[in-house]
Amino acid sequence: MHFSEIALIGIGLAMDAFAVSVCRGLSLSRPAPKHYLSVALWFGGFQALMPVFGYLLGAGFGRYVDGIDHIFACLILSLIGCNMIREGLAHAPDTPAKAETGGAASAKSGTLSLFLLAVATSIDAFAVGISFGVMGDVSIGQAAALIGMTTALLSSAGLAIGSLFGAKSKRRAEIAGGAILVLIGVKILVEGIIK
């Protein structure tokens, strides 16, 4: 498989992570460098690891996961999306939404949220890894690195884009971001059912 083909696969796999990063950026008025680093490492890291896991575990185990992966992804994204909507509705219309700053509790919550989002958006990469293993002509190390770097860059860009729009109306942006996450989850579920 050629470099350009893997690059296109990487862009395709990164789209969900990009969209989720936009949603995350909607709730941040001014993302700090640590926010960019977090989305890049979590999303890029999982998108790089999952193809390797798929490649190593092989098609036998992948068949079982393939039947239910879209259900898990939909549930995770929908739960996080509904929580964002709930938090957005909880804020009074004239009060800005709480920024993601400070506190050990909010840091733990943010880390757990990022972990779940990274898992949910990288399940497709696991299936791609299985297909790489079946093809046999793919250098999994190079492919995983390229997919991970592509996702890291696009996730950081998504965070910046989301924060640009979200700064104007954080409450509405948080509700919209949650709704988008739910829609992404439904999209993944529908794609999984009809494939």
N, C-alpha and C. Protein backbone atom coordinates (compact mmCIF):
# COMPACT_ATOMS: atom_id res chain seq x y z
N MET A 1 0.84 -1.18 0.00
CA MET A 1 0.00 0.00 0.00
C MET A 1 0.88 1.25 0.00
N HIS A 2 0.54 2.22 -0.85
CA HIS A 2 1.34 3.43 -1.00
C HIS A 2 1.13 4.42 0.14
N PHE A 3 2.11 5.28 0.32
CA PHE A 3 2.07 6.33 1.35
C PHE A 3 0.83 7.20 1.19
N SER A 4 0.51 7.59 -0.07
CA SER A 4 -0.64 8.47 -0.31
C SER A 4 -1.95 7.80 0.08
N GLU A 5 -2.05 6.50 -0.13
CA GLU A 5 -3.27 5.78 0.25
C GLU A 5 -3.44 5.75 1.77
N ILE A 6 -2.34 5.50 2.47
CA ILE A 6 -2.39 5.48 3.94
C ILE A 6 -2.71 6.88 4.47
N ALA A 7 -2.16 7.92 3.81
CA ALA A 7 -2.44 9.30 4.23
C ALA A 7 -3.92 9.61 4.10
N LEU A 8 -4.55 9.16 3.01
CA LEU A 8 -5.98 9.38 2.82
C LEU A 8 -6.80 8.61 3.85
N ILE A 9 -6.37 7.39 4.16
CA ILE A 9 -7.03 6.61 5.20
C ILE A 9 -6.93 7.35 6.53
N GLY A 10 -5.74 7.91 6.82
CA GLY A 10 -5.52 8.66 8.05
C GLY A 10 -6.44 9.86 8.16
N ILE A 11 -6.62 10.58 7.06
CA ILE A 11 -7.52 11.74 7.06
C ILE A 11 -8.95 11.29 7.31
N GLY A 12 -9.36 10.22 6.64
CA GLY A 12 -10.72 9.69 6.83
C GLY A 12 -10.96 9.27 8.27
N LEU A 13 -9.99 8.56 8.86
CA LEU A 13 -10.12 8.10 10.24
C LEU A 13 -10.13 9.26 11.23
N ALA A 14 -9.47 10.36 10.87
CA ALA A 14 -9.35 11.50 11.79
C ALA A 14 -10.59 12.39 11.81
N MET A 15 -11.53 12.18 10.89
CA MET A 15 -12.67 13.10 10.79
C MET A 15 -13.54 13.12 12.04
N ASP A 16 -13.82 11.95 12.62
CA ASP A 16 -14.63 11.93 13.84
C ASP A 16 -13.90 12.64 14.98
N ALA A 17 -12.59 12.38 15.11
CA ALA A 17 -11.80 13.03 16.15
C ALA A 17 -11.76 14.55 15.93
N PHE A 18 -11.68 14.97 14.67
CA PHE A 18 -11.71 16.40 14.33
C PHE A 18 -13.03 17.02 14.78
N ALA A 19 -14.15 16.36 14.45
CA ALA A 19 -15.47 16.88 14.81
C ALA A 19 -15.65 16.95 16.32
N VAL A 20 -15.17 15.92 17.02
CA VAL A 20 -15.27 15.90 18.48
C VAL A 20 -14.40 17.00 19.08
N SER A 21 -13.24 17.25 18.49
CA SER A 21 -12.37 18.33 18.98
C SER A 21 -13.00 19.69 18.78
N VAL A 22 -13.71 19.86 17.67
CA VAL A 22 -14.45 21.11 17.45
C VAL A 22 -15.46 21.29 18.58
N CYS A 23 -16.18 20.22 18.90
CA CYS A 23 -17.17 20.28 20.00
C CYS A 23 -16.50 20.63 21.32
N ARG A 24 -15.35 20.05 21.56
CA ARG A 24 -14.63 20.33 22.81
C ARG A 24 -14.17 21.79 22.83
N GLY A 25 -13.74 22.28 21.68
CA GLY A 25 -13.30 23.67 21.60
C GLY A 25 -14.43 24.66 21.83
N LEU A 26 -15.68 24.25 21.53
CA LEU A 26 -16.82 25.13 21.73
C LEU A 26 -16.98 25.54 23.19
N SER A 27 -16.53 24.70 24.11
CA SER A 27 -16.69 25.02 25.53
C SER A 27 -15.46 25.72 26.12
N LEU A 28 -14.47 26.01 25.29
CA LEU A 28 -13.26 26.70 25.76
C LEU A 28 -13.13 28.03 25.05
N SER A 29 -13.08 29.13 25.81
CA SER A 29 -12.94 30.43 25.15
C SER A 29 -11.52 30.65 24.65
N ARG A 30 -10.54 30.25 25.48
CA ARG A 30 -9.14 30.39 25.07
C ARG A 30 -8.40 29.12 25.45
N PRO A 31 -8.33 28.15 24.55
CA PRO A 31 -7.61 26.91 24.89
C PRO A 31 -6.14 27.20 25.19
N ALA A 32 -5.66 26.60 26.27
CA ALA A 32 -4.25 26.73 26.64
C ALA A 32 -3.45 25.68 25.88
N PRO A 33 -2.12 25.83 25.82
CA PRO A 33 -1.30 24.82 25.15
C PRO A 33 -1.57 23.39 25.66
N LYS A 34 -1.88 23.27 26.97
CA LYS A 34 -2.14 21.93 27.53
C LYS A 34 -3.39 21.31 26.91
N HIS A 35 -4.38 22.14 26.51
CA HIS A 35 -5.58 21.61 25.87
C HIS A 35 -5.25 21.05 24.48
N TYR A 36 -4.43 21.80 23.74
CA TYR A 36 -4.02 21.31 22.42
C TYR A 36 -3.21 20.03 22.54
N LEU A 37 -2.32 20.01 23.51
CA LEU A 37 -1.49 18.83 23.73
C LEU A 37 -2.35 17.63 24.11
N SER A 38 -3.36 17.86 24.95
CA SER A 38 -4.23 16.78 25.39
C SER A 38 -4.98 16.14 24.23
N VAL A 39 -5.64 16.98 23.39
CA VAL A 39 -6.40 16.39 22.29
C VAL A 39 -5.46 15.72 21.29
N ALA A 40 -4.31 16.32 21.05
CA ALA A 40 -3.35 15.73 20.11
C ALA A 40 -2.87 14.36 20.60
N LEU A 41 -2.52 14.28 21.89
CA LEU A 41 -2.00 13.03 22.43
C LEU A 41 -3.07 11.96 22.58
N TRP A 42 -4.23 12.34 23.10
CA TRP A 42 -5.29 11.34 23.29
C TRP A 42 -5.82 10.82 21.96
N PHE A 43 -6.26 11.74 21.10
CA PHE A 43 -6.85 11.30 19.83
C PHE A 43 -5.80 10.72 18.89
N GLY A 44 -4.67 11.42 18.74
CA GLY A 44 -3.60 10.91 17.89
C GLY A 44 -3.03 9.61 18.41
N GLY A 45 -2.86 9.52 19.73
CA GLY A 45 -2.30 8.30 20.33
C GLY A 45 -3.19 7.10 20.11
N PHE A 46 -4.48 7.26 20.36
CA PHE A 46 -5.39 6.13 20.17
C PHE A 46 -5.54 5.75 18.70
N GLN A 47 -5.55 6.76 17.82
CA GLN A 47 -5.65 6.45 16.38
C GLN A 47 -4.39 5.74 15.90
N ALA A 48 -3.27 5.95 16.56
CA ALA A 48 -2.03 5.24 16.20
C ALA A 48 -2.01 3.84 16.80
N LEU A 49 -2.50 3.70 18.04
CA LEU A 49 -2.45 2.40 18.72
C LEU A 49 -3.47 1.40 18.19
N MET A 50 -4.66 1.87 17.89
CA MET A 50 -5.72 0.94 17.51
C MET A 50 -5.43 0.13 16.25
N PRO A 51 -4.84 0.73 15.20
CA PRO A 51 -4.49 -0.11 14.04
C PRO A 51 -3.46 -1.18 14.40
N VAL A 52 -2.55 -0.85 15.32
CA VAL A 52 -1.55 -1.83 15.75
C VAL A 52 -2.22 -2.98 16.47
N PHE A 53 -3.18 -2.66 17.38
CA PHE A 53 -3.92 -3.70 18.08
C PHE A 53 -4.69 -4.58 17.10
N GLY A 54 -5.35 -3.93 16.14
CA GLY A 54 -6.10 -4.67 15.12
C GLY A 54 -5.20 -5.58 14.31
N TYR A 55 -4.04 -5.05 13.95
CA TYR A 55 -3.06 -5.79 13.16
C TYR A 55 -2.58 -7.02 13.93
N LEU A 56 -2.30 -6.83 15.24
CA LEU A 56 -1.75 -7.91 16.06
C LEU A 56 -2.81 -8.95 16.44
N LEU A 57 -4.00 -8.48 16.76
CA LEU A 57 -5.03 -9.41 17.20
C LEU A 57 -5.65 -10.22 16.06
N GLY A 58 -5.62 -9.64 14.87
CA GLY A 58 -6.04 -10.39 13.70
C GLY A 58 -7.54 -10.43 13.47
N ALA A 59 -7.90 -10.97 12.35
CA ALA A 59 -9.29 -10.96 11.90
C ALA A 59 -10.19 -11.86 12.74
N GLY A 60 -9.66 -12.89 13.35
CA GLY A 60 -10.48 -13.81 14.15
C GLY A 60 -11.20 -13.10 15.28
N PHE A 61 -10.48 -12.37 16.11
CA PHE A 61 -11.07 -11.63 17.22
C PHE A 61 -11.84 -10.42 16.69
N GLY A 62 -11.34 -9.82 15.63
CA GLY A 62 -11.95 -8.63 15.07
C GLY A 62 -13.37 -8.85 14.61
N ARG A 63 -13.70 -10.07 14.19
CA ARG A 63 -15.05 -10.36 13.73
C ARG A 63 -16.07 -10.15 14.84
N TYR A 64 -15.69 -10.53 16.07
CA TYR A 64 -16.61 -10.38 17.20
C TYR A 64 -16.80 -8.91 17.57
N VAL A 65 -15.72 -8.16 17.57
CA VAL A 65 -15.79 -6.74 17.90
C VAL A 65 -16.54 -5.97 16.82
N ASP A 66 -16.33 -6.38 15.57
CA ASP A 66 -16.92 -5.68 14.44
C ASP A 66 -18.44 -5.63 14.52
N GLY A 67 -19.04 -6.64 15.12
CA GLY A 67 -20.49 -6.68 15.19
C GLY A 67 -21.09 -5.70 16.18
N ILE A 68 -20.33 -5.26 17.16
CA ILE A 68 -20.88 -4.41 18.22
C ILE A 68 -20.12 -3.10 18.43
N ASP A 69 -19.04 -2.89 17.67
CA ASP A 69 -18.22 -1.70 17.90
C ASP A 69 -19.00 -0.40 17.74
N HIS A 70 -19.90 -0.36 16.74
CA HIS A 70 -20.67 0.85 16.49
C HIS A 70 -21.65 1.15 17.64
N ILE A 71 -22.12 0.11 18.33
CA ILE A 71 -23.03 0.31 19.46
C ILE A 71 -22.29 0.98 20.61
N PHE A 72 -21.08 0.48 20.91
CA PHE A 72 -20.27 1.07 21.98
C PHE A 72 -19.92 2.52 21.67
N ALA A 73 -19.49 2.77 20.43
CA ALA A 73 -19.12 4.13 20.04
C ALA A 73 -20.31 5.08 20.18
N CYS A 74 -21.49 4.64 19.74
CA CYS A 74 -22.69 5.45 19.83
C CYS A 74 -23.05 5.75 21.28
N LEU A 75 -22.98 4.73 22.13
CA LEU A 75 -23.32 4.91 23.55
C LEU A 75 -22.38 5.92 24.23
N ILE A 76 -21.08 5.76 23.99
CA ILE A 76 -20.10 6.64 24.63
C ILE A 76 -20.30 8.09 24.18
N LEU A 77 -20.40 8.30 22.86
CA LEU A 77 -20.55 9.65 22.35
C LEU A 77 -21.88 10.28 22.79
N SER A 78 -22.95 9.47 22.81
CA SER A 78 -24.25 9.99 23.20
C SER A 78 -24.28 10.37 24.68
N LEU A 79 -23.66 9.55 25.54
CA LEU A 79 -23.63 9.86 26.97
C LEU A 79 -22.87 11.15 27.23
N ILE A 80 -21.71 11.31 26.59
CA ILE A 80 -20.92 12.52 26.78
C ILE A 80 -21.65 13.72 26.19
N GLY A 81 -22.27 13.53 25.02
CA GLY A 81 -23.04 14.61 24.39
C GLY A 81 -24.21 15.06 25.24
N CYS A 82 -24.96 14.10 25.80
CA CYS A 82 -26.10 14.43 26.66
C CYS A 82 -25.64 15.16 27.92
N ASN A 83 -24.48 14.77 28.43
CA ASN A 83 -23.94 15.47 29.61
C ASN A 83 -23.59 16.91 29.27
N MET A 84 -23.02 17.14 28.08
CA MET A 84 -22.70 18.50 27.65
C MET A 84 -23.98 19.34 27.52
N ILE A 85 -25.02 18.73 26.95
CA ILE A 85 -26.30 19.43 26.79
C ILE A 85 -26.86 19.79 28.16
N ARG A 86 -26.81 18.82 29.09
CA ARG A 86 -27.32 19.05 30.46
C ARG A 86 -26.57 20.21 31.13
N GLU A 87 -25.24 20.23 30.99
CA GLU A 87 -24.44 21.30 31.59
C GLU A 87 -24.76 22.65 30.95
N GLY A 88 -24.95 22.64 29.63
CA GLY A 88 -25.29 23.89 28.94
C GLY A 88 -26.64 24.43 29.38
N LEU A 89 -27.62 23.54 29.56
CA LEU A 89 -28.95 23.96 29.99
C LEU A 89 -28.95 24.41 31.45
N ALA A 90 -28.02 23.89 32.24
CA ALA A 90 -27.95 24.23 33.66
C ALA A 90 -27.48 25.66 33.89
N HIS A 91 -26.76 26.23 32.92
CA HIS A 91 -26.26 27.61 33.07
C HIS A 91 -27.37 28.59 32.69
N ALA A 92 -27.48 29.65 33.46
CA ALA A 92 -28.45 30.70 33.14
C ALA A 92 -28.06 31.35 31.82
N PRO A 93 -29.06 31.81 31.04
CA PRO A 93 -28.76 32.40 29.73
C PRO A 93 -27.76 33.55 29.77
N ASP A 94 -27.74 34.30 30.87
CA ASP A 94 -26.84 35.45 30.90
C ASP A 94 -25.53 35.17 31.62
N THR A 95 -25.33 33.90 32.05
CA THR A 95 -24.05 33.58 32.70
C THR A 95 -23.22 32.73 31.78
N PRO A 96 -21.93 33.01 31.65
CA PRO A 96 -21.10 32.19 30.80
C PRO A 96 -20.92 30.80 31.38
N ALA A 97 -20.77 29.81 30.48
CA ALA A 97 -20.53 28.44 30.92
C ALA A 97 -19.18 28.35 31.60
N LYS A 98 -19.09 27.40 32.51
CA LYS A 98 -17.85 27.24 33.28
C LYS A 98 -16.74 26.75 32.36
N ALA A 99 -15.61 27.43 32.40
CA ALA A 99 -14.46 27.02 31.58
C ALA A 99 -13.81 25.81 32.19
N GLU A 100 -13.11 25.05 31.36
CA GLU A 100 -12.41 23.87 31.83
C GLU A 100 -11.10 24.27 32.46
N THR A 101 -11.16 24.70 33.70
CA THR A 101 -9.94 25.09 34.37
C THR A 101 -9.95 24.60 35.80
N GLY A 102 -8.75 24.52 36.36
CA GLY A 102 -8.55 24.26 37.78
C GLY A 102 -9.26 23.07 38.36
N GLY A 103 -8.88 22.75 39.62
CA GLY A 103 -9.56 21.73 40.38
C GLY A 103 -9.19 20.34 39.97
N ALA A 104 -8.90 19.50 40.96
CA ALA A 104 -8.55 18.11 40.69
C ALA A 104 -9.73 17.35 40.11
N ALA A 105 -10.95 17.67 40.61
CA ALA A 105 -12.15 16.96 40.14
C ALA A 105 -12.39 17.23 38.67
N SER A 106 -12.28 18.51 38.24
CA SER A 106 -12.51 18.82 36.84
C SER A 106 -11.41 18.24 35.96
N ALA A 107 -10.20 18.16 36.47
CA ALA A 107 -9.09 17.56 35.71
C ALA A 107 -9.35 16.07 35.49
N LYS A 108 -9.83 15.39 36.56
CA LYS A 108 -10.14 13.96 36.43
C LYS A 108 -11.27 13.74 35.44
N SER A 109 -12.31 14.58 35.55
CA SER A 109 -13.45 14.48 34.66
C SER A 109 -13.03 14.72 33.21
N GLY A 110 -12.17 15.72 33.00
CA GLY A 110 -11.70 16.02 31.65
C GLY A 110 -10.87 14.89 31.07
N THR A 111 -10.04 14.27 31.90
CA THR A 111 -9.21 13.16 31.44
C THR A 111 -10.06 11.96 31.08
N LEU A 112 -11.04 11.64 31.92
CA LEU A 112 -11.93 10.51 31.65
C LEU A 112 -12.72 10.75 30.37
N SER A 113 -13.22 11.98 30.23
CA SER A 113 -13.97 12.34 29.04
C SER A 113 -13.12 12.19 27.78
N LEU A 114 -11.88 12.70 27.83
CA LEU A 114 -10.98 12.57 26.68
C LEU A 114 -10.67 11.11 26.36
N PHE A 115 -10.46 10.31 27.40
CA PHE A 115 -10.18 8.88 27.20
C PHE A 115 -11.35 8.21 26.48
N LEU A 116 -12.58 8.44 26.97
CA LEU A 116 -13.75 7.81 26.37
C LEU A 116 -13.96 8.28 24.93
N LEU A 117 -13.77 9.58 24.70
CA LEU A 117 -13.92 10.11 23.35
C LEU A 117 -12.86 9.54 22.41
N ALA A 118 -11.63 9.41 22.92
CA ALA A 118 -10.55 8.85 22.10
C ALA A 118 -10.83 7.40 21.72
N VAL A 119 -11.36 6.63 22.68
CA VAL A 119 -11.71 5.23 22.39
C VAL A 119 -12.83 5.18 21.35
N ALA A 120 -13.89 5.97 21.59
CA ALA A 120 -15.05 5.95 20.70
C ALA A 120 -14.71 6.34 19.27
N THR A 121 -13.82 7.32 19.12
CA THR A 121 -13.50 7.79 17.76
C THR A 121 -12.41 6.97 17.08
N SER A 122 -11.80 6.02 17.80
CA SER A 122 -10.71 5.26 17.19
C SER A 122 -11.06 3.80 16.92
N ILE A 123 -12.32 3.42 17.15
CA ILE A 123 -12.71 2.03 16.93
C ILE A 123 -12.57 1.65 15.46
N ASP A 124 -12.89 2.58 14.56
CA ASP A 124 -12.72 2.30 13.13
C ASP A 124 -11.26 1.99 12.79
N ALA A 125 -10.34 2.64 13.51
CA ALA A 125 -8.92 2.41 13.25
C ALA A 125 -8.53 0.98 13.60
N PHE A 126 -9.21 0.40 14.59
CA PHE A 126 -8.96 -1.01 14.94
C PHE A 126 -9.31 -1.91 13.75
N ALA A 127 -10.47 -1.66 13.15
CA ALA A 127 -10.90 -2.45 11.98
C ALA A 127 -9.94 -2.26 10.81
N VAL A 128 -9.44 -1.02 10.64
CA VAL A 128 -8.47 -0.76 9.57
C VAL A 128 -7.19 -1.56 9.82
N GLY A 129 -6.77 -1.65 11.09
CA GLY A 129 -5.59 -2.44 11.43
C GLY A 129 -5.76 -3.90 11.07
N ILE A 130 -6.96 -4.43 11.28
CA ILE A 130 -7.24 -5.82 10.90
C ILE A 130 -7.09 -5.99 9.39
N SER A 131 -7.62 -5.03 8.64
CA SER A 131 -7.50 -5.12 7.18
C SER A 131 -6.05 -5.00 6.73
N PHE A 132 -5.26 -4.19 7.43
CA PHE A 132 -3.83 -4.10 7.12
C PHE A 132 -3.17 -5.47 7.32
N GLY A 133 -3.54 -6.14 8.40
CA GLY A 133 -2.97 -7.45 8.68
C GLY A 133 -3.32 -8.46 7.62
N VAL A 134 -4.55 -8.39 7.12
CA VAL A 134 -5.00 -9.32 6.07
C VAL A 134 -4.26 -9.04 4.77
N MET A 135 -4.05 -7.76 4.45
CA MET A 135 -3.37 -7.41 3.19
C MET A 135 -1.91 -7.85 3.20
N GLY A 136 -1.25 -7.66 4.34
CA GLY A 136 0.12 -8.13 4.47
C GLY A 136 1.20 -7.27 3.85
N ASP A 137 0.86 -6.30 3.02
CA ASP A 137 1.89 -5.48 2.36
C ASP A 137 1.99 -4.09 2.98
N VAL A 138 1.60 -3.98 4.26
CA VAL A 138 1.61 -2.69 4.95
C VAL A 138 2.62 -2.73 6.08
N SER A 139 3.45 -1.69 6.16
CA SER A 139 4.33 -1.52 7.30
C SER A 139 3.50 -0.88 8.41
N ILE A 140 3.07 -1.69 9.39
CA ILE A 140 2.13 -1.21 10.39
C ILE A 140 2.71 -0.07 11.23
N GLY A 141 4.01 -0.08 11.48
CA GLY A 141 4.63 1.00 12.25
C GLY A 141 4.52 2.34 11.55
N GLN A 142 4.85 2.36 10.26
CA GLN A 142 4.77 3.60 9.49
C GLN A 142 3.32 4.05 9.33
N ALA A 143 2.43 3.08 9.06
CA ALA A 143 1.03 3.42 8.87
C ALA A 143 0.43 4.01 10.15
N ALA A 144 0.71 3.38 11.29
CA ALA A 144 0.18 3.85 12.57
C ALA A 144 0.71 5.23 12.91
N ALA A 145 1.99 5.47 12.66
CA ALA A 145 2.59 6.78 12.94
C ALA A 145 1.94 7.87 12.08
N LEU A 146 1.72 7.57 10.81
CA LEU A 146 1.12 8.55 9.90
C LEU A 146 -0.33 8.85 10.30
N ILE A 147 -1.09 7.80 10.62
CA ILE A 147 -2.48 7.97 11.04
C ILE A 147 -2.54 8.77 12.34
N GLY A 148 -1.67 8.46 13.29
CA GLY A 148 -1.64 9.16 14.56
C GLY A 148 -1.29 10.63 14.41
N MET A 149 -0.27 10.94 13.60
CA MET A 149 0.14 12.33 13.40
C MET A 149 -0.94 13.14 12.68
N THR A 150 -1.58 12.51 11.69
CA THR A 150 -2.66 13.19 10.97
C THR A 150 -3.79 13.55 11.93
N THR A 151 -4.17 12.58 12.77
CA THR A 151 -5.25 12.82 13.73
C THR A 151 -4.86 13.89 14.75
N ALA A 152 -3.62 13.84 15.22
CA ALA A 152 -3.15 14.84 16.21
C ALA A 152 -3.25 16.25 15.63
N LEU A 153 -2.82 16.42 14.39
CA LEU A 153 -2.87 17.75 13.76
C LEU A 153 -4.30 18.22 13.54
N LEU A 154 -5.15 17.33 13.02
CA LEU A 154 -6.53 17.71 12.74
C LEU A 154 -7.32 17.96 14.04
N SER A 155 -7.01 17.21 15.08
CA SER A 155 -7.68 17.41 16.37
C SER A 155 -7.34 18.78 16.95
N SER A 156 -6.07 19.15 16.87
CA SER A 156 -5.64 20.47 17.35
C SER A 156 -6.31 21.59 16.57
N ALA A 157 -6.40 21.39 15.25
CA ALA A 157 -7.08 22.38 14.40
C ALA A 157 -8.56 22.47 14.77
N GLY A 158 -9.19 21.33 15.03
CA GLY A 158 -10.59 21.31 15.42
C GLY A 158 -10.84 22.04 16.72
N LEU A 159 -9.94 21.87 17.68
CA LEU A 159 -10.06 22.56 18.97
C LEU A 159 -10.01 24.08 18.76
N ALA A 160 -9.08 24.53 17.92
CA ALA A 160 -8.95 25.96 17.64
C ALA A 160 -10.20 26.51 16.96
N ILE A 161 -10.72 25.76 15.98
CA ILE A 161 -11.93 26.20 15.27
C ILE A 161 -13.12 26.27 16.21
N GLY A 162 -13.28 25.25 17.05
CA GLY A 162 -14.39 25.23 18.00
C GLY A 162 -14.33 26.37 18.98
N SER A 163 -13.14 26.66 19.50
CA SER A 163 -13.00 27.73 20.49
C SER A 163 -13.30 29.10 19.87
N LEU A 164 -12.96 29.25 18.60
CA LEU A 164 -13.20 30.51 17.90
C LEU A 164 -14.70 30.82 17.85
N PHE A 165 -15.51 29.80 17.55
CA PHE A 165 -16.95 30.00 17.47
C PHE A 165 -17.61 29.95 18.84
N GLY A 166 -17.08 29.10 19.71
CA GLY A 166 -17.68 28.91 21.03
C GLY A 166 -17.53 30.09 21.95
N ALA A 167 -16.51 30.90 21.75
CA ALA A 167 -16.26 32.03 22.65
C ALA A 167 -17.41 33.04 22.62
N LYS A 168 -18.16 33.08 21.52
CA LYS A 168 -19.22 34.08 21.38
C LYS A 168 -20.44 33.75 22.23
N SER A 169 -20.74 32.48 22.38
CA SER A 169 -21.90 32.10 23.18
C SER A 169 -21.65 30.72 23.76
N LYS A 170 -21.00 30.69 24.90
CA LYS A 170 -20.56 29.41 25.46
C LYS A 170 -21.71 28.50 25.82
N ARG A 171 -22.80 29.06 26.34
CA ARG A 171 -23.92 28.22 26.75
C ARG A 171 -24.54 27.51 25.54
N ARG A 172 -24.86 28.30 24.51
CA ARG A 172 -25.44 27.70 23.30
C ARG A 172 -24.44 26.78 22.62
N ALA A 173 -23.17 27.16 22.66
CA ALA A 173 -22.13 26.34 22.03
C ALA A 173 -22.01 24.99 22.72
N GLU A 174 -22.13 24.98 24.04
CA GLU A 174 -22.03 23.72 24.78
C GLU A 174 -23.19 22.81 24.42
N ILE A 175 -24.40 23.38 24.31
CA ILE A 175 -25.57 22.60 23.94
C ILE A 175 -25.41 22.08 22.51
N ALA A 176 -24.96 22.96 21.60
CA ALA A 176 -24.76 22.55 20.20
C ALA A 176 -23.69 21.47 20.10
N GLY A 177 -22.60 21.65 20.86
CA GLY A 177 -21.52 20.66 20.84
C GLY A 177 -22.00 19.31 21.31
N GLY A 178 -22.81 19.29 22.38
CA GLY A 178 -23.37 18.04 22.87
C GLY A 178 -24.27 17.37 21.85
N ALA A 179 -25.10 18.20 21.18
CA ALA A 179 -25.99 17.66 20.15
C ALA A 179 -25.19 17.07 18.99
N ILE A 180 -24.09 17.73 18.64
CA ILE A 180 -23.25 17.21 17.54
C ILE A 180 -22.64 15.88 17.93
N LEU A 181 -22.19 15.74 19.18
CA LEU A 181 -21.62 14.47 19.63
C LEU A 181 -22.65 13.35 19.54
N VAL A 182 -23.88 13.64 19.95
CA VAL A 182 -24.95 12.64 19.86
C VAL A 182 -25.17 12.26 18.40
N LEU A 183 -25.19 13.26 17.51
CA LEU A 183 -25.39 12.98 16.08
C LEU A 183 -24.25 12.15 15.50
N ILE A 184 -23.02 12.44 15.91
CA ILE A 184 -21.88 11.63 15.45
C ILE A 184 -22.06 10.19 15.91
N GLY A 185 -22.49 10.02 17.16
CA GLY A 185 -22.74 8.67 17.68
C GLY A 185 -23.80 7.95 16.88
N VAL A 186 -24.89 8.65 16.55
CA VAL A 186 -25.97 8.05 15.76
C VAL A 186 -25.46 7.70 14.36
N LYS A 187 -24.64 8.60 13.78
CA LYS A 187 -24.07 8.33 12.45
C LYS A 187 -23.24 7.06 12.46
N ILE A 188 -22.40 6.91 13.49
CA ILE A 188 -21.56 5.71 13.61
C ILE A 188 -22.44 4.46 13.76
N LEU A 189 -23.51 4.58 14.55
CA LEU A 189 -24.43 3.45 14.75
C LEU A 189 -25.10 3.05 13.44
N VAL A 190 -25.62 4.04 12.71
CA VAL A 190 -26.30 3.76 11.44
C VAL A 190 -25.33 3.15 10.43
N GLU A 191 -24.11 3.71 10.34
CA GLU A 191 -23.11 3.16 9.42
C GLU A 191 -22.79 1.73 9.78
N GLY A 192 -22.69 1.43 11.09
CA GLY A 192 -22.40 0.08 11.53
C GLY A 192 -23.50 -0.89 11.20
N ILE A 193 -24.75 -0.43 11.28
CA ILE A 193 -25.90 -1.30 11.00
C ILE A 193 -26.01 -1.62 9.52
N ILE A 194 -25.79 -0.60 8.67
CA ILE A 194 -26.01 -0.82 7.23
C ILE A 194 -24.79 -1.39 6.50
N LYS A 195 -23.61 -1.45 7.17
CA LYS A 195 -22.43 -1.95 6.43
C LYS A 195 -22.46 -3.47 6.29
